[in-house]
Amino acid sequence: MAKNNFKRKKKPGVVRRILPYFVIILVAAALIVAGILITSRKGNKDRQEIQTVVDVTENQNNNNNQIQSLEKDGVPEVKELVQKYFDAVKKADVKDLKQIVVQDTEFSEEALKKQCEYVESYENIICYTVPGIADNTYIAYVYYEIKFIGIDTKAPSMIRLYICQNKDGSLYIDKNAKDGEIAAYLQEVAGWESVRELVANVNTRYQEACVKDEALKNLKDMLDGKTSVPSSEKSSEENTSESVSDTVYDAESQADEA
């Protein structure tokens, strides 16, 4: 019997049979990973762009807040000048006032002394400043409290001053700075929310002080009716004195106009 020399073909192994499927799976997985990376990078880029917009917006808002904000006692030279101003008014020192205040009208020593009959001291002075039109100039909203003679309760008060710089670097109060560009800027700043809130707060505190102390209210009523100490905001013909206490009783209008 002849031998059968036919050799049986070996069937492909299990590995060979599933190898193409592994390749397909690996290629698909690579594509999926690549897609995830691209999407992730795009998402990160989008988030970065969104965050950049947020940061820019926040910075713009912060800048606006900074632009329309008042700095509390941030300029020592202004605080020193204002203190000299109150000291000179309290002493009725016309000579000192002429050195630190510029105004069209003459100071009245008599009127200043008349005012000193009622005022014991000016206390708790705080200067809220914002840069003026020119370099080294300032708008100062000055909070202070008046201690009247014989009255326990102090009167919360506020005036507005425009402060400029001399050639020698010293500062002075310019009471003639009320026209043109400066006047428009003063009006603009007076409309800032931070300023209006500050002035309204002073008015509220003053009204509360009057309610608390009838003697203060009575003195206020008396001084409101006085004509011998004209307000610094009256016409130039009437304005022949330097009055601080007159600015107390209506802080909002006086702070806008002082």
C-alpha atoms as a PDB file:
ATOM      1  CA  MET A   1       0.000   0.000   0.000  1.00  0.00           C
ATOM      2  CA  ALA A   2       1.501   3.211  -1.149  1.00  0.00           C
ATOM      3  CA  LYS A   3       2.168   5.829   1.404  1.00  0.00           C
ATOM      4  CA  ASN A   4       0.218   8.999   1.131  1.00  0.00           C
ATOM      5  CA  ASN A   5       2.871  11.656   0.726  1.00  0.00           C
ATOM      6  CA  PHE A   6       0.302  14.495   0.838  1.00  0.00           C
ATOM      7  CA  LYS A   7       1.107  16.740   3.717  1.00  0.00           C
ATOM      8  CA  ARG A   8      -1.783  18.380   5.507  1.00  0.00           C
ATOM      9  CA  LYS A   9      -1.655  22.146   5.488  1.00  0.00           C
ATOM     10  CA  LYS A  10      -1.387  23.629   8.897  1.00  0.00           C
ATOM     11  CA  LYS A  11      -4.292  25.796   9.875  1.00  0.00           C
ATOM     12  CA  PRO A  12      -3.387  29.369  10.767  1.00  0.00           C
ATOM     13  CA  GLY A  13      -2.806  29.828  14.461  1.00  0.00           C
ATOM     14  CA  VAL A  14      -5.118  31.768  16.674  1.00  0.00           C
ATOM     15  CA  VAL A  15      -2.702  34.717  16.814  1.00  0.00           C
ATOM     16  CA  ARG A  16      -2.573  34.932  13.027  1.00  0.00           C
ATOM     17  CA  ARG A  17      -6.309  34.935  12.793  1.00  0.00           C
ATOM     18  CA  ILE A  18      -6.887  37.763  15.246  1.00  0.00           C
ATOM     19  CA  LEU A  19      -3.811  39.856  14.325  1.00  0.00           C
ATOM     20  CA  PRO A  20      -5.659  41.971  11.715  1.00  0.00           C
ATOM     21  CA  TYR A  21      -8.273  42.816  14.298  1.00  0.00           C
ATOM     22  CA  PHE A  22      -5.568  43.968  16.736  1.00  0.00           C
ATOM     23  CA  VAL A  23      -4.172  46.228  14.046  1.00  0.00           C
ATOM     24  CA  ILE A  24      -7.599  47.721  13.343  1.00  0.00           C
ATOM     25  CA  ILE A  25      -8.231  48.247  17.049  1.00  0.00           C
ATOM     26  CA  LEU A  26      -4.845  49.884  17.574  1.00  0.00           C
ATOM     27  CA  VAL A  27      -5.343  52.230  14.611  1.00  0.00           C
ATOM     28  CA  ALA A  28      -8.814  53.191  15.862  1.00  0.00           C
ATOM     29  CA  ALA A  29      -7.474  53.753  19.365  1.00  0.00           C
ATOM     30  CA  ALA A  30      -4.690  55.948  17.980  1.00  0.00           C
ATOM     31  CA  LEU A  31      -7.243  58.002  16.057  1.00  0.00           C
ATOM     32  CA  ILE A  32      -9.439  58.362  19.149  1.00  0.00           C
ATOM     33  CA  VAL A  33      -6.473  59.463  21.298  1.00  0.00           C
ATOM     34  CA  ALA A  34      -5.407  61.953  18.631  1.00  0.00           C
ATOM     35  CA  GLY A  35      -8.941  63.333  18.506  1.00  0.00           C
ATOM     36  CA  ILE A  36      -9.055  63.668  22.275  1.00  0.00           C
ATOM     37  CA  LEU A  37      -5.725  65.508  22.325  1.00  0.00           C
ATOM     38  CA  ILE A  38      -6.842  67.904  19.585  1.00  0.00           C
ATOM     39  CA  THR A  39     -10.166  68.521  21.302  1.00  0.00           C
ATOM     40  CA  SER A  40      -8.447  68.963  24.654  1.00  0.00           C
ATOM     41  CA  ARG A  41      -5.966  71.440  23.226  1.00  0.00           C
ATOM     42  CA  LYS A  42      -8.765  73.360  21.510  1.00  0.00           C
ATOM     43  CA  GLY A  43     -10.754  73.313  24.731  1.00  0.00           C
ATOM     44  CA  ASN A  44      -7.776  74.586  26.698  1.00  0.00           C
ATOM     45  CA  LYS A  45      -7.225  77.276  24.088  1.00  0.00           C
ATOM     46  CA  ASP A  46     -10.886  78.279  24.259  1.00  0.00           C
ATOM     47  CA  ARG A  47     -10.756  78.341  28.061  1.00  0.00           C
ATOM     48  CA  GLN A  48      -7.583  80.399  27.923  1.00  0.00           C
ATOM     49  CA  GLU A  49      -9.230  82.823  25.496  1.00  0.00           C
ATOM     50  CA  ILE A  50     -12.313  83.055  27.718  1.00  0.00           C
ATOM     51  CA  GLN A  51     -10.149  83.562  30.797  1.00  0.00           C
ATOM     52  CA  THR A  52      -8.196  86.232  28.941  1.00  0.00           C
ATOM     53  CA  VAL A  53     -11.430  88.069  28.150  1.00  0.00           C
ATOM     54  CA  VAL A  54     -12.508  87.752  31.789  1.00  0.00           C
ATOM     55  CA  ASP A  55      -9.159  89.028  33.013  1.00  0.00           C
ATOM     56  CA  VAL A  56      -9.240  91.954  30.594  1.00  0.00           C
ATOM     57  CA  THR A  57     -12.815  92.792  31.603  1.00  0.00           C
ATOM     58  CA  GLU A  58     -11.960  92.572  35.298  1.00  0.00           C
ATOM     59  CA  ASN A  59      -8.887  94.710  34.759  1.00  0.00           C
ATOM     60  CA  GLN A  60     -10.963  97.272  32.878  1.00  0.00           C
ATOM     61  CA  ASN A  61     -13.531  97.310  35.674  1.00  0.00           C
ATOM     62  CA  ASN A  62     -10.785  97.632  38.273  1.00  0.00           C
ATOM     63  CA  ASN A  63      -9.227 100.473  36.285  1.00  0.00           C
ATOM     64  CA  ASN A  64     -12.594 102.246  36.120  1.00  0.00           C
ATOM     65  CA  ASN A  65     -13.004 101.830  39.867  1.00  0.00           C
ATOM     66  CA  GLN A  66      -9.514 103.180  40.414  1.00  0.00           C
ATOM     67  CA  ILE A  67     -10.171 106.128  38.106  1.00  0.00           C
ATOM     68  CA  GLN A  68     -13.373 107.021  39.954  1.00  0.00           C
ATOM     69  CA  SER A  69     -12.082 106.454  43.464  1.00  0.00           C
ATOM     70  CA  LEU A  70     -10.815 108.861  46.102  1.00  0.00           C
ATOM     71  CA  GLU A  71      -7.562 108.223  47.929  1.00  0.00           C
ATOM     72  CA  LYS A  72      -7.840 108.610  51.685  1.00  0.00           C
ATOM     73  CA  ASP A  73      -4.926 110.602  53.146  1.00  0.00           C
ATOM     74  CA  GLY A  74      -2.773 109.347  50.282  1.00  0.00           C
ATOM     75  CA  VAL A  75      -0.839 112.585  49.718  1.00  0.00           C
ATOM     76  CA  PRO A  76       1.008 113.717  52.864  1.00  0.00           C
ATOM     77  CA  GLU A  77       1.769 117.145  51.362  1.00  0.00           C
ATOM     78  CA  VAL A  78      -1.938 117.787  50.832  1.00  0.00           C
ATOM     79  CA  LYS A  79      -2.743 116.764  54.393  1.00  0.00           C
ATOM     80  CA  GLU A  80      -0.040 119.088  55.693  1.00  0.00           C
ATOM     81  CA  LEU A  81      -1.352 121.990  53.593  1.00  0.00           C
ATOM     82  CA  VAL A  82      -4.937 121.462  54.740  1.00  0.00           C
ATOM     83  CA  GLN A  83      -3.826 121.347  58.363  1.00  0.00           C
ATOM     84  CA  LYS A  84      -2.032 124.681  57.908  1.00  0.00           C
ATOM     85  CA  TYR A  85      -5.185 126.076  56.335  1.00  0.00           C
ATOM     86  CA  PHE A  86      -7.370 125.144  59.290  1.00  0.00           C
ATOM     87  CA  ASP A  87      -4.761 126.369  61.770  1.00  0.00           C
ATOM     88  CA  ALA A  88      -4.607 129.747  60.024  1.00  0.00           C
ATOM     89  CA  VAL A  89      -8.398 130.068  59.933  1.00  0.00           C
ATOM     90  CA  LYS A  90      -8.661 129.138  63.595  1.00  0.00           C
ATOM     91  CA  LYS A  91      -6.061 131.788  64.535  1.00  0.00           C
ATOM     92  CA  ALA A  92      -7.538 134.331  62.106  1.00  0.00           C
ATOM     93  CA  ASP A  93      -4.024 134.577  60.672  1.00  0.00           C
ATOM     94  CA  VAL A  94      -4.454 136.509  57.430  1.00  0.00           C
ATOM     95  CA  LYS A  95      -0.705 136.522  56.748  1.00  0.00           C
ATOM     96  CA  ASP A  96      -0.476 132.723  56.795  1.00  0.00           C
ATOM     97  CA  LEU A  97      -3.638 132.385  54.716  1.00  0.00           C
ATOM     98  CA  LYS A  98      -2.212 134.621  51.999  1.00  0.00           C
ATOM     99  CA  GLN A  99       0.810 132.338  51.764  1.00  0.00           C
ATOM    100  CA  ILE A 100      -1.205 129.191  51.113  1.00  0.00           C
ATOM    101  CA  VAL A 101      -4.470 130.399  49.529  1.00  0.00           C
ATOM    102  CA  VAL A 102      -4.949 132.196  46.207  1.00  0.00           C
ATOM    103  CA  GLN A 103      -8.244 134.024  45.724  1.00  0.00           C
ATOM    104  CA  ASP A 104      -9.483 137.208  44.109  1.00  0.00           C
ATOM    105  CA  THR A 105     -10.990 138.719  47.227  1.00  0.00           C
ATOM    106  CA  GLU A 106      -9.222 140.001  50.323  1.00  0.00           C
ATOM    107  CA  PHE A 107      -9.247 138.132  53.602  1.00  0.00           C
ATOM    108  CA  SER A 108     -11.102 139.802  56.451  1.00  0.00           C
ATOM    109  CA  GLU A 109      -9.342 139.444  59.762  1.00  0.00           C
ATOM    110  CA  GLU A 110     -12.382 140.861  61.509  1.00  0.00           C
ATOM    111  CA  ALA A 111     -14.697 138.250  60.013  1.00  0.00           C
ATOM    112  CA  LEU A 112     -12.263 135.471  60.855  1.00  0.00           C
ATOM    113  CA  LYS A 113     -12.060 136.605  64.468  1.00  0.00           C
ATOM    114  CA  LYS A 114     -15.850 136.764  64.611  1.00  0.00           C
ATOM    115  CA  GLN A 115     -15.985 133.178  63.508  1.00  0.00           C
ATOM    116  CA  CYS A 116     -13.435 132.156  66.141  1.00  0.00           C
ATOM    117  CA  GLU A 117     -15.893 133.277  68.813  1.00  0.00           C
ATOM    118  CA  TYR A 118     -17.862 130.098  68.143  1.00  0.00           C
ATOM    119  CA  VAL A 119     -15.199 127.571  67.102  1.00  0.00           C
ATOM    120  CA  GLU A 120     -12.998 125.815  69.611  1.00  0.00           C
ATOM    121  CA  SER A 121     -11.157 123.550  67.163  1.00  0.00           C
ATOM    122  CA  TYR A 122     -11.175 121.706  63.835  1.00  0.00           C
ATOM    123  CA  GLU A 123     -10.534 118.025  64.426  1.00  0.00           C
ATOM    124  CA  ASN A 124     -10.304 114.590  62.794  1.00  0.00           C
ATOM    125  CA  ILE A 125      -9.265 115.979  59.412  1.00  0.00           C
ATOM    126  CA  ILE A 126      -9.241 113.477  56.526  1.00  0.00           C
ATOM    127  CA  CYS A 127      -8.255 114.377  52.968  1.00  0.00           C
ATOM    128  CA  TYR A 128      -9.848 112.399  50.122  1.00  0.00           C
ATOM    129  CA  THR A 129      -7.950 113.269  46.952  1.00  0.00           C
ATOM    130  CA  VAL A 130      -8.089 112.667  43.220  1.00  0.00           C
ATOM    131  CA  PRO A 131      -5.529 113.974  40.687  1.00  0.00           C
ATOM    132  CA  GLY A 132      -6.354 117.335  39.133  1.00  0.00           C
ATOM    133  CA  ILE A 133      -6.174 118.435  35.506  1.00  0.00           C
ATOM    134  CA  ALA A 134      -2.446 119.196  35.524  1.00  0.00           C
ATOM    135  CA  ASP A 135       0.433 117.282  37.072  1.00  0.00           C
ATOM    136  CA  ASN A 136       0.854 117.768  40.820  1.00  0.00           C
ATOM    137  CA  THR A 137      -2.632 119.231  41.239  1.00  0.00           C
ATOM    138  CA  TYR A 138      -5.425 117.692  43.287  1.00  0.00           C
ATOM    139  CA  ILE A 139      -9.090 117.876  44.083  1.00  0.00           C
ATOM    140  CA  ALA A 140      -9.410 117.376  47.828  1.00  0.00           C
ATOM    141  CA  TYR A 141     -12.662 116.523  49.560  1.00  0.00           C
ATOM    142  CA  VAL A 142     -11.779 117.377  53.131  1.00  0.00           C
ATOM    143  CA  TYR A 143     -13.724 115.824  55.985  1.00  0.00           C
ATOM    144  CA  TYR A 144     -13.385 117.475  59.386  1.00  0.00           C
ATOM    145  CA  GLU A 145     -15.316 117.939  62.596  1.00  0.00           C
ATOM    146  CA  ILE A 146     -15.962 121.272  64.274  1.00  0.00           C
ATOM    147  CA  LYS A 147     -15.879 121.462  68.045  1.00  0.00           C
ATOM    148  CA  PHE A 148     -17.970 124.498  68.909  1.00  0.00           C
ATOM    149  CA  ILE A 149     -17.344 126.286  72.174  1.00  0.00           C
ATOM    150  CA  GLY A 150     -19.752 125.096  74.872  1.00  0.00           C
ATOM    151  CA  ILE A 151     -21.212 122.268  72.756  1.00  0.00           C
ATOM    152  CA  ASP A 152     -20.241 118.658  73.407  1.00  0.00           C
ATOM    153  CA  THR A 153     -21.204 117.163  70.039  1.00  0.00           C
ATOM    154  CA  LYS A 154     -18.845 117.778  67.150  1.00  0.00           C
ATOM    155  CA  ALA A 155     -20.268 118.762  63.778  1.00  0.00           C
ATOM    156  CA  PRO A 156     -19.251 116.510  60.868  1.00  0.00           C
ATOM    157  CA  SER A 157     -18.322 118.729  57.925  1.00  0.00           C
ATOM    158  CA  MET A 158     -16.852 118.730  54.428  1.00  0.00           C
ATOM    159  CA  ILE A 159     -15.350 121.202  51.978  1.00  0.00           C
ATOM    160  CA  ARG A 160     -13.822 120.789  48.545  1.00  0.00           C
ATOM    161  CA  LEU A 161     -10.483 122.387  47.681  1.00  0.00           C
ATOM    162  CA  TYR A 162      -8.522 122.598  44.439  1.00  0.00           C
ATOM    163  CA  ILE A 163      -4.823 122.318  45.185  1.00  0.00           C
ATOM    164  CA  CYS A 164      -1.956 123.360  42.895  1.00  0.00           C
ATOM    165  CA  GLN A 165       1.821 123.421  43.022  1.00  0.00           C
ATOM    166  CA  ASN A 166       4.140 126.429  43.132  1.00  0.00           C
ATOM    167  CA  LYS A 167       7.359 126.565  41.130  1.00  0.00           C
ATOM    168  CA  ASP A 168       9.312 125.697  44.258  1.00  0.00           C
ATOM    169  CA  GLY A 169       7.289 122.501  44.676  1.00  0.00           C
ATOM    170  CA  SER A 170       5.147 123.701  47.581  1.00  0.00           C
ATOM    171  CA  LEU A 171       1.371 123.365  47.403  1.00  0.00           C
ATOM    172  CA  TYR A 172      -1.330 126.015  47.674  1.00  0.00           C
ATOM    173  CA  ILE A 173      -5.129 126.218  47.606  1.00  0.00           C
ATOM    174  CA  ASP A 174      -6.486 127.841  44.448  1.00  0.00           C
ATOM    175  CA  LYS A 175      -9.938 129.305  45.094  1.00  0.00           C
ATOM    176  CA  ASN A 176      -9.992 130.933  41.666  1.00  0.00           C
ATOM    177  CA  ALA A 177      -9.975 127.583  39.853  1.00  0.00           C
ATOM    178  CA  LYS A 178     -13.667 127.543  38.968  1.00  0.00           C
ATOM    179  CA  ASP A 179     -13.799 128.278  35.240  1.00  0.00           C
ATOM    180  CA  GLY A 180     -13.258 126.453  31.962  1.00  0.00           C
ATOM    181  CA  GLU A 181     -11.724 123.004  31.894  1.00  0.00           C
ATOM    182  CA  ILE A 182     -11.161 122.862  35.652  1.00  0.00           C
ATOM    183  CA  ALA A 183     -14.787 123.748  36.356  1.00  0.00           C
ATOM    184  CA  ALA A 184     -15.964 120.987  34.017  1.00  0.00           C
ATOM    185  CA  TYR A 185     -13.647 118.500  35.689  1.00  0.00           C
ATOM    186  CA  LEU A 186     -14.790 119.521  39.169  1.00  0.00           C
ATOM    187  CA  GLN A 187     -18.376 118.958  38.101  1.00  0.00           C
ATOM    188  CA  GLU A 188     -17.495 115.579  36.596  1.00  0.00           C
ATOM    189  CA  VAL A 189     -15.765 114.373  39.763  1.00  0.00           C
ATOM    190  CA  ALA A 190     -18.646 115.658  41.891  1.00  0.00           C
ATOM    191  CA  GLY A 191     -20.890 113.266  39.963  1.00  0.00           C
ATOM    192  CA  TRP A 192     -18.819 110.181  40.723  1.00  0.00           C
ATOM    193  CA  GLU A 193     -20.674 107.631  42.800  1.00  0.00           C
ATOM    194  CA  SER A 194     -17.797 107.407  45.298  1.00  0.00           C
ATOM    195  CA  VAL A 195     -17.911 111.177  45.825  1.00  0.00           C
ATOM    196  CA  ARG A 196     -21.674 111.373  46.105  1.00  0.00           C
ATOM    197  CA  GLU A 197     -21.688 108.548  48.648  1.00  0.00           C
ATOM    198  CA  LEU A 198     -18.993 110.283  50.675  1.00  0.00           C
ATOM    199  CA  VAL A 199     -20.820 113.614  50.711  1.00  0.00           C
ATOM    200  CA  ALA A 200     -24.162 111.969  51.472  1.00  0.00           C
ATOM    201  CA  ASN A 201     -22.561 110.106  54.371  1.00  0.00           C
ATOM    202  CA  VAL A 202     -21.230 113.357  55.834  1.00  0.00           C
ATOM    203  CA  ASN A 203     -24.641 114.998  55.500  1.00  0.00           C
ATOM    204  CA  THR A 204     -26.285 112.063  57.244  1.00  0.00           C
ATOM    205  CA  ARG A 205     -23.785 112.165  60.083  1.00  0.00           C
ATOM    206  CA  TYR A 206     -24.284 115.896  60.469  1.00  0.00           C
ATOM    207  CA  GLN A 207     -28.080 115.557  60.607  1.00  0.00           C
ATOM    208  CA  GLU A 208     -27.748 112.774  63.177  1.00  0.00           C
ATOM    209  CA  ALA A 209     -25.475 114.987  65.275  1.00  0.00           C
ATOM    210  CA  CYS A 210     -28.088 117.765  65.223  1.00  0.00           C
ATOM    211  CA  VAL A 211     -30.814 115.339  66.277  1.00  0.00           C
ATOM    212  CA  LYS A 212     -28.609 114.052  69.067  1.00  0.00           C
ATOM    213  CA  ASP A 213     -27.644 117.492  70.380  1.00  0.00           C
ATOM    214  CA  GLU A 214     -30.249 120.243  70.327  1.00  0.00           C
ATOM    215  CA  ALA A 215     -27.634 122.828  71.281  1.00  0.00           C
ATOM    216  CA  LEU A 216     -25.734 122.062  68.088  1.00  0.00           C
ATOM    217  CA  LYS A 217     -28.904 122.388  66.049  1.00  0.00           C
ATOM    218  CA  ASN A 218     -29.750 125.721  67.675  1.00  0.00           C
ATOM    219  CA  LEU A 219     -26.272 127.065  66.935  1.00  0.00           C
ATOM    220  CA  LYS A 220     -26.568 125.819  63.392  1.00  0.00           C
ATOM    221  CA  ASP A 221     -29.860 127.642  62.972  1.00  0.00           C
ATOM    222  CA  MET A 222     -28.359 130.806  64.374  1.00  0.00           C
ATOM    223  CA  LEU A 223     -25.285 130.683  62.150  1.00  0.00           C
ATOM    224  CA  ASP A 224     -27.401 129.951  59.110  1.00  0.00           C
ATOM    225  CA  GLY A 225     -29.148 133.238  59.720  1.00  0.00           C
ATOM    226  CA  LYS A 226     -25.927 135.225  60.215  1.00  0.00           C
ATOM    227  CA  THR A 227     -24.825 137.696  57.554  1.00  0.00           C
ATOM    228  CA  SER A 228     -21.680 138.998  59.240  1.00  0.00           C
ATOM    229  CA  VAL A 229     -19.682 135.900  58.203  1.00  0.00           C
ATOM    230  CA  PRO A 230     -20.398 135.421  54.499  1.00  0.00           C
ATOM    231  CA  SER A 231     -20.011 131.989  52.946  1.00  0.00           C
ATOM    232  CA  SER A 232     -17.009 131.327  50.748  1.00  0.00           C
ATOM    233  CA  GLU A 233     -19.481 130.539  47.996  1.00  0.00           C
ATOM    234  CA  LYS A 234     -21.245 133.921  47.868  1.00  0.00           C
ATOM    235  CA  SER A 235     -20.624 136.392  45.090  1.00  0.00           C
ATOM    236  CA  SER A 236     -17.227 138.062  44.870  1.00  0.00           C
ATOM    237  CA  GLU A 237     -18.712 141.341  46.075  1.00  0.00           C
ATOM    238  CA  GLU A 238     -19.916 139.666  49.275  1.00  0.00           C
ATOM    239  CA  ASN A 239     -17.030 137.281  49.742  1.00  0.00           C
ATOM    240  CA  THR A 240     -14.624 139.289  51.868  1.00  0.00           C
ATOM    241  CA  SER A 241     -13.847 136.646  54.473  1.00  0.00           C
ATOM    242  CA  GLU A 242     -12.425 133.184  54.781  1.00  0.00           C
ATOM    243  CA  SER A 243     -15.061 130.975  56.412  1.00  0.00           C
ATOM    244  CA  VAL A 244     -14.766 127.296  57.166  1.00  0.00           C
ATOM    245  CA  SER A 245     -17.652 126.781  59.546  1.00  0.00           C
ATOM    246  CA  ASP A 246     -20.180 128.034  56.985  1.00  0.00           C
ATOM    247  CA  THR A 247     -19.398 125.030  54.801  1.00  0.00           C
ATOM    248  CA  VAL A 248     -20.549 122.642  57.504  1.00  0.00           C
ATOM    249  CA  TYR A 249     -24.263 122.862  57.394  1.00  0.00           C
ATOM    250  CA  ASP A 250     -24.956 121.728  53.878  1.00  0.00           C
ATOM    251  CA  ALA A 251     -22.002 119.505  53.158  1.00  0.00           C
ATOM    252  CA  GLU A 252     -23.354 118.229  49.839  1.00  0.00           C
ATOM    253  CA  SER A 253     -23.872 121.575  48.119  1.00  0.00           C
ATOM    254  CA  GLN A 254     -20.823 123.122  49.740  1.00  0.00           C
ATOM    255  CA  ALA A 255     -18.568 120.219  48.806  1.00  0.00           C
ATOM    256  CA  ASP A 256     -19.725 120.520  45.211  1.00  0.00           C
ATOM    257  CA  GLU A 257     -19.130 124.252  45.112  1.00  0.00           C
ATOM    258  CA  ALA A 258     -16.369 125.049  47.634  1.00  0.00           C
END
